[in-house]
């Protein structure tokens, strides 16, 4: 339980520590420059710009932390937070993870948990009609004679894999469901569908990159299980997907 807790808080902890280190380095640089030669006009301009950037990074991060518990109403502000999360804070966390020799899977999992907290807080109970359930092709059994390409309707519901459960959920809730064999196809499906909300299932890497690529859309991320190894006959809990759908319709 303790290990799982630290895995969840790893991403926000890395960002908070990184911002603290950046701030300390900045003030040490300012003090060092001032005591050596004083601050020139150009030095004042440069340090002022750096100070504004640091304040913006810290202020936005505080807002991101708040958004995991309190709804951010202005759509433009939610969009801004989403962009900052995937394009600024995630790369910072990756650098911190490499410096501290952390496993990338646990960092990505923590990032996805953090993203889900923001998505649930800001979008649950919105009753979205245009919801997209995006599934990986590797959920299908390798022994299946039918190859599902994009449309889950092709599944004959033999029960040999979790595709049948996903098809049943899609039918019961009347939601759009697509099966993607890779990141490029997933992006294409999202751009064509333009959903109000995405519930995406994939492995750590694909799911993280998918959330980053689709930052304009709220994405609730569900990690698949890999009992037979990566990208081969993976599984996903139907109850987790059902829980996610209930949050947004």
Protein backbone atom coordinates (compact mmCIF):
# COMPACT_ATOMS: atom_id res chain seq x y z
CA UNK A 1 0.00 0.00 0.00
CA UNK A 2 2.85 2.36 0.89
CA UNK A 3 4.62 1.59 -2.40
CA UNK A 4 1.42 2.25 -4.36
CA UNK A 5 0.91 5.57 -2.54
CA UNK A 6 4.40 6.80 -3.42
CA UNK A 7 3.86 5.72 -7.04
CA UNK A 8 0.73 7.90 -7.22
CA UNK A 9 2.31 11.01 -5.70
CA UNK A 10 5.59 10.70 -7.64
CA UNK A 11 4.63 13.05 -10.49
CA UNK A 12 3.33 15.96 -8.35
CA UNK A 13 6.23 15.45 -5.93
CA UNK A 14 8.80 15.65 -8.74
CA UNK A 15 7.26 18.84 -10.13
CA UNK A 16 7.10 20.50 -6.71
CA UNK A 17 10.73 19.62 -5.92
CA UNK A 18 11.88 20.72 -9.38
CA UNK A 19 10.19 24.11 -9.04
CA UNK A 20 11.73 24.56 -5.60
CA UNK A 21 15.20 23.78 -6.98
CA UNK A 22 14.71 26.13 -9.95
CA UNK A 23 13.64 28.93 -7.59
CA UNK A 24 16.63 28.40 -5.28
CA UNK A 25 19.06 28.38 -8.22
CA UNK A 26 17.51 31.59 -9.55
CA UNK A 27 17.90 33.46 -6.26
CA UNK A 28 21.46 32.19 -5.82
CA UNK A 29 22.29 33.45 -9.31
CA UNK A 30 20.77 36.86 -8.56
CA UNK A 31 22.63 37.16 -5.25
CA UNK A 32 25.88 36.03 -6.83
CA UNK A 33 25.61 38.52 -9.69
CA UNK A 34 24.66 41.35 -7.36
CA UNK A 35 27.55 40.78 -4.93
CA UNK A 36 30.13 40.40 -7.71
CA UNK A 37 29.40 43.25 -10.08
CA UNK A 38 25.93 44.51 -9.33
CA UNK A 39 23.12 44.14 -11.84
CA UNK A 40 23.49 45.84 -15.21
CA UNK A 41 20.52 47.07 -17.23
CA UNK A 42 20.59 43.90 -19.33
CA UNK A 43 20.99 41.82 -16.20
CA UNK A 44 17.91 43.45 -14.70
CA UNK A 45 15.89 42.68 -17.83
CA UNK A 46 17.05 39.06 -18.02
CA UNK A 47 16.46 38.35 -14.34
CA UNK A 48 13.08 40.07 -14.45
CA UNK A 49 12.01 37.86 -17.37
CA UNK A 50 13.27 34.75 -15.55
CA UNK A 51 11.46 35.82 -12.38
CA UNK A 52 8.18 36.25 -14.28
CA UNK A 53 8.58 32.82 -15.90
CA UNK A 54 9.26 31.16 -12.53
CA UNK A 55 6.28 32.90 -10.92
CA UNK A 56 4.10 31.77 -13.83
CA UNK A 57 5.34 28.16 -13.50
CA UNK A 58 4.71 28.10 -9.75
CA UNK A 59 1.35 29.86 -10.00
CA UNK A 60 0.13 27.53 -12.75
CA UNK A 61 1.33 24.48 -10.81
CA UNK A 62 -0.57 25.62 -7.71
CA UNK A 63 -3.65 26.03 -9.90
CA UNK A 64 -3.12 22.52 -11.30
CA UNK A 65 -2.97 21.11 -7.77
CA UNK A 66 -6.14 23.00 -6.85
CA UNK A 67 -7.87 21.66 -9.98
CA UNK A 68 -7.58 18.09 -8.65
CA UNK A 69 -10.13 19.03 -5.95
CA UNK A 70 -11.93 22.12 -7.21
CA UNK A 71 -13.53 22.65 -10.61
CA UNK A 72 -11.93 25.25 -12.88
CA UNK A 73 -14.84 26.90 -14.68
CA UNK A 74 -13.35 29.01 -17.52
CA UNK A 75 -12.78 26.62 -20.48
CA UNK A 76 -9.75 28.62 -21.67
CA UNK A 77 -8.11 28.20 -18.27
CA UNK A 78 -8.69 24.43 -18.31
CA UNK A 79 -7.15 24.33 -21.80
CA UNK A 80 -4.16 26.33 -20.60
CA UNK A 81 -3.67 23.99 -17.63
CA UNK A 82 -3.88 20.96 -19.91
CA UNK A 83 -1.26 22.39 -22.26
CA UNK A 84 1.08 23.24 -19.39
CA UNK A 85 0.64 19.80 -17.85
CA UNK A 86 1.64 17.83 -20.95
CA UNK A 87 4.14 20.22 -22.56
CA UNK A 88 5.94 21.75 -19.57
CA UNK A 89 5.40 19.82 -16.34
CA UNK A 90 5.59 16.29 -17.75
CA UNK A 91 8.97 16.94 -19.47
CA UNK A 92 10.26 18.46 -16.21
CA UNK A 93 9.15 15.33 -14.32
CA UNK A 94 10.87 13.11 -16.90
CA UNK A 95 14.15 14.97 -16.46
CA UNK A 96 13.83 14.67 -12.68
CA UNK A 97 13.02 10.97 -13.05
CA UNK A 98 16.13 10.32 -15.13
CA UNK A 99 18.34 12.21 -12.70
CA UNK A 100 17.00 10.13 -9.79
CA UNK A 101 17.04 6.85 -11.79
CA UNK A 102 13.30 6.26 -11.47
CA UNK A 103 11.39 3.70 -13.54
CA UNK A 104 9.59 5.45 -16.37
CA UNK A 105 6.49 3.24 -15.98
CA UNK A 106 5.87 4.41 -12.42
CA UNK A 107 6.36 8.05 -13.39
CA UNK A 108 3.96 7.69 -16.32
CA UNK A 109 1.43 5.93 -14.10
CA UNK A 110 1.62 8.77 -11.58
CA UNK A 111 1.19 11.33 -14.37
CA UNK A 112 -1.90 9.48 -15.62
CA UNK A 113 -3.40 9.30 -12.11
CA UNK A 114 -2.84 13.03 -11.68
CA UNK A 115 -4.42 13.75 -15.07
CA UNK A 116 -7.42 11.58 -14.16
CA UNK A 117 -7.94 13.51 -10.92
CA UNK A 118 -8.11 16.76 -12.88
CA UNK A 119 -10.44 15.27 -15.52
CA UNK A 120 -12.84 13.78 -12.96
CA UNK A 121 -12.95 16.95 -10.85
CA UNK A 122 -13.63 19.19 -13.83
CA UNK A 123 -15.86 16.98 -16.00
CA UNK A 124 -17.81 14.47 -13.92
CA UNK A 125 -21.58 14.84 -14.07
CA UNK A 126 -21.43 16.83 -17.32
CA UNK A 127 -23.65 14.26 -19.11
CA UNK A 128 -21.62 14.17 -22.31
CA UNK A 129 -23.43 12.68 -25.28
CA UNK A 130 -20.36 12.54 -27.54
CA UNK A 131 -18.16 10.22 -25.50
CA UNK A 132 -15.49 8.08 -27.16
CA UNK A 133 -14.21 4.79 -25.73
CA UNK A 134 -10.81 4.19 -27.33
CA UNK A 135 -9.42 0.66 -27.08
CA UNK A 136 -6.11 -0.94 -28.09
CA UNK A 137 -6.03 -3.70 -30.70
CA UNK A 138 -4.04 -5.92 -28.32
CA UNK A 139 -7.16 -6.57 -26.19
CA UNK A 140 -8.27 -9.04 -28.86
CA UNK A 141 -7.38 -12.72 -28.58
CA UNK A 142 -4.60 -13.82 -30.93
CA UNK A 143 -6.66 -16.94 -31.70
CA UNK A 144 -9.66 -14.98 -32.94
CA UNK A 145 -10.44 -15.55 -36.61
CA UNK A 146 -11.94 -12.07 -36.95
CA UNK A 147 -9.57 -9.12 -36.98
CA UNK A 148 -11.28 -6.08 -35.53
CA UNK A 149 -10.31 -2.98 -37.50
CA UNK A 150 -11.53 0.25 -35.91
CA UNK A 151 -15.13 -0.87 -35.36
CA UNK A 152 -15.88 -3.03 -32.33
CA UNK A 153 -19.19 -4.07 -33.91
CA UNK A 154 -17.14 -6.67 -35.79
CA UNK A 155 -16.63 -8.55 -32.51
CA UNK A 156 -18.81 -11.71 -32.36
CA UNK A 157 -18.75 -11.73 -28.53
CA UNK A 158 -17.41 -15.26 -28.17
CA UNK A 159 -16.02 -14.34 -24.73
CA UNK A 160 -12.46 -15.29 -25.60
CA UNK A 161 -11.15 -11.84 -24.72
CA UNK A 162 -12.27 -8.57 -23.15
CA UNK A 163 -13.49 -7.12 -26.45
CA UNK A 164 -16.87 -8.76 -25.85
CA UNK A 165 -17.24 -6.97 -22.50
CA UNK A 166 -16.28 -3.65 -24.07
CA UNK A 167 -18.80 -4.16 -26.87
CA UNK A 168 -21.52 -4.91 -24.32
CA UNK A 169 -20.71 -1.72 -22.39
CA UNK A 170 -20.72 0.35 -25.58
CA UNK A 171 -24.09 -1.11 -26.54
CA UNK A 172 -25.63 -0.61 -23.10
CA UNK A 173 -24.53 3.02 -22.84
CA UNK A 174 -24.85 3.83 -26.54
CA UNK A 175 -21.38 5.36 -26.77
CA UNK A 176 -18.94 5.51 -29.65
CA UNK A 177 -16.20 2.92 -29.44
CA UNK A 178 -13.11 2.62 -31.62
CA UNK A 179 -10.23 0.14 -31.76
CA UNK A 180 -6.80 1.51 -32.65
CA UNK A 181 -3.73 -0.49 -33.62
CA UNK A 182 -1.34 2.36 -32.85
CA UNK A 183 -0.87 5.98 -31.85
CA UNK A 184 -1.24 7.40 -35.36
CA UNK A 185 -4.58 5.69 -35.90
CA UNK A 186 -5.76 6.72 -32.43
CA UNK A 187 -4.98 10.38 -33.20
CA UNK A 188 -6.82 10.06 -36.52
CA UNK A 189 -9.90 8.59 -34.82
CA UNK A 190 -9.92 11.36 -32.21
CA UNK A 191 -9.60 14.09 -34.83
CA UNK A 192 -12.42 12.58 -36.89
CA UNK A 193 -14.73 12.05 -33.92
CA UNK A 194 -14.03 15.31 -32.04
CA UNK A 195 -15.43 13.84 -28.79
CA UNK A 196 -16.46 15.79 -25.71
CA UNK A 197 -14.72 13.20 -23.54
CA UNK A 198 -12.35 10.29 -24.20
CA UNK A 199 -11.98 7.16 -22.10
CA UNK A 200 -8.77 5.59 -23.35
CA UNK A 201 -7.29 2.16 -22.62
CA UNK A 202 -3.63 1.39 -23.39
CA UNK A 203 -0.24 0.59 -21.89
CA UNK A 204 1.82 3.13 -19.94
CA UNK A 205 3.77 4.57 -22.86
CA UNK A 206 0.95 4.67 -25.44
CA UNK A 207 -1.52 6.07 -22.93
CA UNK A 208 0.86 8.80 -21.78
CA UNK A 209 1.67 9.83 -25.34
CA UNK A 210 -2.02 9.68 -26.23
CA UNK A 211 -2.95 12.02 -23.37
CA UNK A 212 -0.20 14.40 -24.46
CA UNK A 213 -1.18 14.31 -28.13
CA UNK A 214 -4.87 14.85 -27.30
CA UNK A 215 -4.36 17.60 -24.71
CA UNK A 216 -7.22 19.63 -26.24
CA UNK A 217 -9.65 16.89 -25.17
CA UNK A 218 -10.31 15.63 -21.63
CA UNK A 219 -8.91 12.09 -21.50
CA UNK A 220 -9.65 9.64 -18.69
CA UNK A 221 -6.83 7.09 -18.83
CA UNK A 222 -7.23 3.40 -17.97
CA UNK A 223 -4.12 1.20 -17.94
CA UNK A 224 -4.51 -2.28 -19.37
CA UNK A 225 -3.10 -5.39 -17.74
CA UNK A 226 -0.37 -7.41 -19.47
CA UNK A 227 -0.55 -10.98 -18.16
CA UNK A 228 1.17 -12.35 -21.29
CA UNK A 229 3.56 -9.49 -21.88
CA UNK A 230 3.29 -6.15 -23.67
CA UNK A 231 1.03 -5.72 -26.70
CA UNK A 232 -0.24 -9.32 -26.60
CA UNK A 233 -3.68 -10.40 -25.37
CA UNK A 234 -3.89 -7.64 -22.78
CA UNK A 235 -6.89 -7.26 -20.49
CA UNK A 236 -8.89 -4.46 -18.91
CA UNK A 237 -11.38 -4.45 -16.06
CA UNK A 238 -14.95 -3.95 -17.29
CA UNK A 239 -15.90 -2.54 -13.87
CA UNK A 240 -13.26 0.20 -14.20
CA UNK A 241 -14.57 1.18 -17.63
CA UNK A 242 -18.15 1.08 -16.35
CA UNK A 243 -17.12 3.33 -13.43
CA UNK A 244 -15.49 5.80 -15.83
CA UNK A 245 -18.49 5.92 -18.15
CA UNK A 246 -20.81 6.58 -15.20
CA UNK A 247 -18.69 9.60 -14.26
CA UNK A 248 -19.27 11.41 -17.52
CA UNK A 249 -22.69 10.49 -18.93
